Amino acid sequence: MPLLATIGRVLFVVLFVFSGASKLFDIASTTQAITDKVALPAMLLPYTAQLEAAVGMPTAQILAILTGAVEVLGGLFIALNIGTRFFALLLVVFVAATIFYFHDFWDMTGAERINNMIHALKNLSLIGGLLLLAAYPRPIAMEQERYTGV
């Protein structure tokens, strides 16, 4: 059973690792997508201006790098069963933000609405899987061995 759990864990995170790597390899497109879709609250603007001055890049580009890194690192750490609960919950927040900002089907019509609703539902399913990983970060069979000594 632990072998199946390991295979399932690795297959589950392939989407995150691939998506994050794609974002990191094409920072310009990722930055543009964030610029087009994400509006930061006005109260954060003084802080983002300071951050931009400190690192020398626009906030959208910083967010693009951070987004790719969260997906790749979160996926790899979950696959390796290191900090699974933390990274699963981090990815829950990330995926929920993705639904809100990038798959906002409630503001769309026609085919675009259906397509984004499907993506939102897929992401909702991913959140379900991530919550299961957060609830049971180790395969159940391994937990039973730990408590029974079997």
Protein backbone atom coordinates (compact mmCIF):
# COMPACT_ATOMS: atom_id res chain seq x y z
CA MET A 1 0.00 0.00 0.00
CA PRO A 2 2.77 2.56 0.70
CA LEU A 3 4.01 2.06 -2.87
CA LEU A 4 0.59 2.95 -4.26
CA ALA A 5 0.40 5.97 -1.98
CA THR A 6 3.83 7.13 -3.17
CA ILE A 7 2.90 6.69 -6.83
CA GLY A 8 -0.39 8.52 -6.24
CA ARG A 9 1.39 11.35 -4.42
CA VAL A 10 3.90 11.77 -7.25
CA LEU A 11 1.25 11.65 -9.97
CA PHE A 12 -0.92 14.13 -8.06
CA VAL A 13 1.80 16.79 -7.96
CA VAL A 14 2.94 16.45 -11.58
CA LEU A 15 0.45 19.17 -12.53
CA PHE A 16 1.89 21.60 -9.96
CA VAL A 17 5.53 20.94 -10.84
CA PHE A 18 4.94 21.21 -14.59
CA SER A 19 2.74 24.30 -14.29
CA GLY A 20 5.18 26.03 -11.95
CA ALA A 21 8.18 25.22 -14.15
CA SER A 22 6.31 26.52 -17.20
CA LYS A 23 5.64 29.77 -15.37
CA LEU A 24 9.28 30.12 -14.36
CA PHE A 25 10.54 29.41 -17.88
CA ASP A 26 8.20 32.06 -19.32
CA ILE A 27 8.22 34.80 -16.70
CA ALA A 28 7.18 37.45 -19.24
CA SER A 29 3.89 35.69 -20.06
CA THR A 30 3.22 34.87 -16.41
CA THR A 31 3.89 38.49 -15.44
CA GLN A 32 1.52 39.70 -18.16
CA ALA A 33 -1.23 37.31 -17.04
CA ILE A 34 -0.87 38.54 -13.46
CA THR A 35 -0.88 42.16 -14.62
CA ASP A 36 -4.08 41.55 -16.61
CA LYS A 37 -5.97 39.68 -13.89
CA VAL A 38 -4.74 40.64 -10.43
CA ALA A 39 -5.57 43.99 -8.86
CA LEU A 40 -3.94 44.58 -5.51
CA PRO A 41 -5.87 46.49 -2.86
CA ALA A 42 -4.99 50.20 -2.65
CA MET A 43 -3.83 49.83 0.95
CA LEU A 44 -0.99 47.53 -0.23
CA LEU A 45 0.34 49.93 -2.89
CA PRO A 46 2.77 51.82 -0.60
CA TYR A 47 4.29 48.49 0.46
CA THR A 48 4.48 47.12 -3.07
CA ALA A 49 6.21 50.34 -4.18
CA GLN A 50 8.84 49.79 -1.48
CA LEU A 51 9.23 46.16 -2.53
CA GLU A 52 9.60 47.14 -6.18
CA ALA A 53 12.29 49.70 -5.28
CA ALA A 54 14.14 47.17 -3.11
CA VAL A 55 14.29 44.36 -5.68
CA GLY A 56 14.18 46.39 -8.88
CA MET A 57 11.27 44.64 -10.55
CA PRO A 58 7.54 45.22 -10.76
CA THR A 59 5.21 43.55 -8.28
CA ALA A 60 3.63 41.42 -11.01
CA GLN A 61 7.03 39.96 -11.90
CA ILE A 62 7.77 39.23 -8.23
CA LEU A 63 4.40 37.50 -7.97
CA ALA A 64 5.13 35.54 -11.16
CA ILE A 65 8.39 34.20 -9.72
CA LEU A 66 6.76 33.49 -6.38
CA THR A 67 3.87 31.68 -8.08
CA GLY A 68 6.15 29.39 -10.06
CA ALA A 69 8.32 28.71 -7.02
CA VAL A 70 5.33 27.85 -4.80
CA GLU A 71 4.02 25.38 -7.36
CA VAL A 72 7.35 23.68 -8.06
CA LEU A 73 8.58 23.54 -4.47
CA GLY A 74 5.18 22.65 -3.04
CA GLY A 75 4.79 19.84 -5.54
CA LEU A 76 8.30 18.47 -5.01
CA PHE A 77 8.07 18.57 -1.22
CA ILE A 78 4.69 16.82 -1.27
CA ALA A 79 6.08 14.16 -3.64
CA LEU A 80 9.02 13.63 -1.28
CA ASN A 81 6.71 13.63 1.77
CA ILE A 82 8.54 16.55 3.37
CA GLY A 83 6.32 19.06 5.13
CA THR A 84 3.31 17.61 3.34
CA ARG A 85 0.68 19.22 5.55
CA PHE A 86 2.24 22.70 5.27
CA PHE A 87 2.77 22.57 1.50
CA ALA A 88 -0.67 21.06 0.87
CA LEU A 89 -2.30 23.92 2.79
CA LEU A 90 -0.09 26.47 1.01
CA LEU A 91 -1.21 25.04 -2.33
CA VAL A 92 -4.86 25.13 -1.16
CA VAL A 93 -4.53 28.90 -0.73
CA PHE A 94 -2.73 29.19 -4.07
CA VAL A 95 -5.34 27.16 -5.97
CA ALA A 96 -8.20 29.06 -4.32
CA ALA A 97 -6.61 32.36 -5.41
CA THR A 98 -6.24 30.95 -8.91
CA ILE A 99 -9.95 30.16 -9.04
CA PHE A 100 -10.85 33.65 -7.83
CA TYR A 101 -8.48 35.65 -10.07
CA PHE A 102 -8.05 33.52 -13.20
CA HIS A 103 -11.16 31.35 -13.54
CA ASP A 104 -13.81 33.92 -12.57
CA PHE A 105 -16.53 32.28 -14.67
CA TRP A 106 -19.19 34.25 -12.79
CA ASP A 107 -18.07 37.35 -14.73
CA MET A 108 -18.10 35.61 -18.14
CA THR A 109 -20.60 34.45 -20.74
CA GLY A 110 -20.84 31.77 -23.43
CA ALA A 111 -18.08 29.30 -24.15
CA GLU A 112 -15.55 31.25 -22.10
CA ARG A 113 -17.81 30.87 -19.06
CA ILE A 114 -18.14 27.10 -19.51
CA ASN A 115 -14.40 26.64 -20.08
CA ASN A 116 -13.48 28.61 -16.98
CA MET A 117 -16.15 26.88 -14.91
CA ILE A 118 -14.58 23.53 -15.85
CA HIS A 119 -11.14 24.84 -14.82
CA ALA A 120 -12.58 26.18 -11.56
CA LEU A 121 -14.22 22.82 -10.79
CA LYS A 122 -10.96 21.01 -11.63
CA ASN A 123 -9.16 23.30 -9.22
CA LEU A 124 -11.84 22.69 -6.60
CA SER A 125 -11.14 18.97 -6.99
CA LEU A 126 -7.42 19.66 -6.54
CA ILE A 127 -8.25 21.52 -3.32
CA GLY A 128 -10.10 18.40 -2.16
CA GLY A 129 -7.06 16.24 -2.85
CA LEU A 130 -4.77 18.72 -1.12
CA LEU A 131 -7.03 18.78 1.93
CA LEU A 132 -6.83 14.97 2.06
CA LEU A 133 -3.04 15.21 1.94
CA ALA A 134 -3.12 17.79 4.72
CA ALA A 135 -5.39 15.57 6.82
CA TYR A 136 -3.37 12.40 6.17
CA PRO A 137 0.18 13.50 5.32
CA ARG A 138 1.48 9.93 5.68
CA PRO A 139 -0.14 6.91 4.05
CA ILE A 140 -2.72 5.36 6.40
CA ALA A 141 -0.93 1.98 6.38
CA MET A 142 2.24 3.68 7.65
CA GLU A 143 0.26 5.39 10.42
CA GLN A 144 -1.16 2.03 11.53
CA GLU A 145 2.33 0.51 11.61
CA ARG A 146 3.55 3.38 13.76
CA TYR A 147 0.85 2.84 16.37
CA THR A 148 0.63 -0.96 16.37
CA GLY A 149 4.28 -1.82 15.79
CA VAL A 150 3.28 -4.11 12.91
